[in-house]
Amino acid sequence: MANRLPSLIARGRAIPWATVLTVAAQVAREGKSRWDRLSKREQDELVRIVRKAPRGPSAFSAQDRAQLRRIVRKVAALH
């Protein structure tokens, strides 16, 4: 699922919420190279949002979803 993210971004398509959350969780676990693409503020924000995941989709505000999508796009960038 996460492998589809760059192609979805490149085509400008809506990214399924489950995919965004999956990628965010992988980034939090995966490693320093991707993590270091984020500012300290973005890192803190990503951790705060991902911690809400066990409570289900209703735990995320529209602002949380928008912020998470922005951060995931930055981390998943192919450059």
Protein backbone atom coordinates (compact mmCIF):
# COMPACT_ATOMS: atom_id res chain seq x y z
CA MET A 1 0.00 0.00 0.00
CA ALA A 2 2.72 2.47 0.94
CA ASN A 3 4.52 1.80 -2.34
CA ARG A 4 1.62 3.41 -4.20
CA LEU A 5 1.98 6.74 -2.41
CA PRO A 6 4.57 8.37 -4.70
CA SER A 7 2.56 7.50 -7.82
CA LEU A 8 -0.64 8.85 -6.26
CA ILE A 9 1.13 12.08 -5.33
CA ALA A 10 2.68 12.40 -8.78
CA ARG A 11 -0.72 12.06 -10.41
CA GLY A 12 -2.25 14.58 -8.03
CA ARG A 13 -4.85 12.09 -6.85
CA ALA A 14 -6.48 11.96 -3.47
CA ILE A 15 -4.52 9.76 -1.12
CA PRO A 16 -6.56 7.20 0.81
CA TRP A 17 -6.57 7.97 4.51
CA ALA A 18 -5.43 4.46 5.45
CA THR A 19 -2.42 4.85 3.15
CA VAL A 20 -1.46 8.17 4.72
CA LEU A 21 -1.66 6.70 8.20
CA THR A 22 0.31 3.59 7.18
CA VAL A 23 3.09 5.69 5.69
CA ALA A 24 3.16 7.96 8.74
CA ALA A 25 3.57 4.98 11.04
CA GLN A 26 6.34 3.56 8.83
CA VAL A 27 8.17 6.88 8.85
CA ALA A 28 8.01 6.96 12.63
CA ARG A 29 9.62 3.49 12.70
CA GLU A 30 11.73 3.40 9.54
CA GLY A 31 14.72 5.46 10.11
CA LYS A 32 16.69 8.55 10.51
CA SER A 33 17.05 9.47 6.84
CA ARG A 34 13.33 10.06 6.35
CA TRP A 35 12.81 11.38 9.86
CA ASP A 36 15.53 13.98 9.32
CA ARG A 37 13.58 15.43 6.39
CA LEU A 38 11.21 16.87 8.98
CA SER A 39 11.70 19.86 11.24
CA LYS A 40 11.50 19.30 14.99
CA ARG A 41 8.01 20.79 14.95
CA GLU A 42 6.89 18.42 12.16
CA GLN A 43 8.37 15.46 14.03
CA ASP A 44 6.47 16.38 17.19
CA GLU A 45 3.27 16.92 15.22
CA LEU A 46 3.59 13.58 13.43
CA VAL A 47 4.08 11.73 16.72
CA ARG A 48 1.11 13.53 18.30
CA ILE A 49 -1.20 12.68 15.43
CA VAL A 50 -0.09 9.05 14.99
CA ARG A 51 -0.64 8.39 18.70
CA LYS A 52 -4.34 9.08 18.12
CA ALA A 53 -4.57 6.18 15.63
CA PRO A 54 -5.62 3.43 18.09
CA ARG A 55 -8.71 5.49 18.95
CA GLY A 56 -9.94 5.22 15.37
CA PRO A 57 -10.55 7.63 12.49
CA SER A 58 -12.96 9.78 14.47
CA ALA A 59 -10.07 10.81 16.75
CA PHE A 60 -8.59 12.88 13.91
CA SER A 61 -9.79 16.40 13.28
CA ALA A 62 -9.83 17.84 9.77
CA GLN A 63 -6.78 19.87 10.77
CA ASP A 64 -4.97 16.70 11.95
CA ARG A 65 -5.70 14.98 8.63
CA ALA A 66 -4.48 17.95 6.61
CA GLN A 67 -1.31 18.26 8.68
CA LEU A 68 -0.62 14.53 8.45
CA ARG A 69 -1.06 14.54 4.67
CA ARG A 70 1.34 17.47 4.35
CA ILE A 71 3.99 15.82 6.52
CA VAL A 72 3.66 12.45 4.79
CA ARG A 73 3.99 14.06 1.37
CA LYS A 74 7.20 15.74 2.50
CA VAL A 75 8.66 12.54 3.90
CA ALA A 76 7.63 10.44 0.90
CA ALA A 77 9.17 12.89 -1.60
CA LEU A 78 11.26 11.12 -4.18
CA HIS A 79 13.98 13.78 -4.40
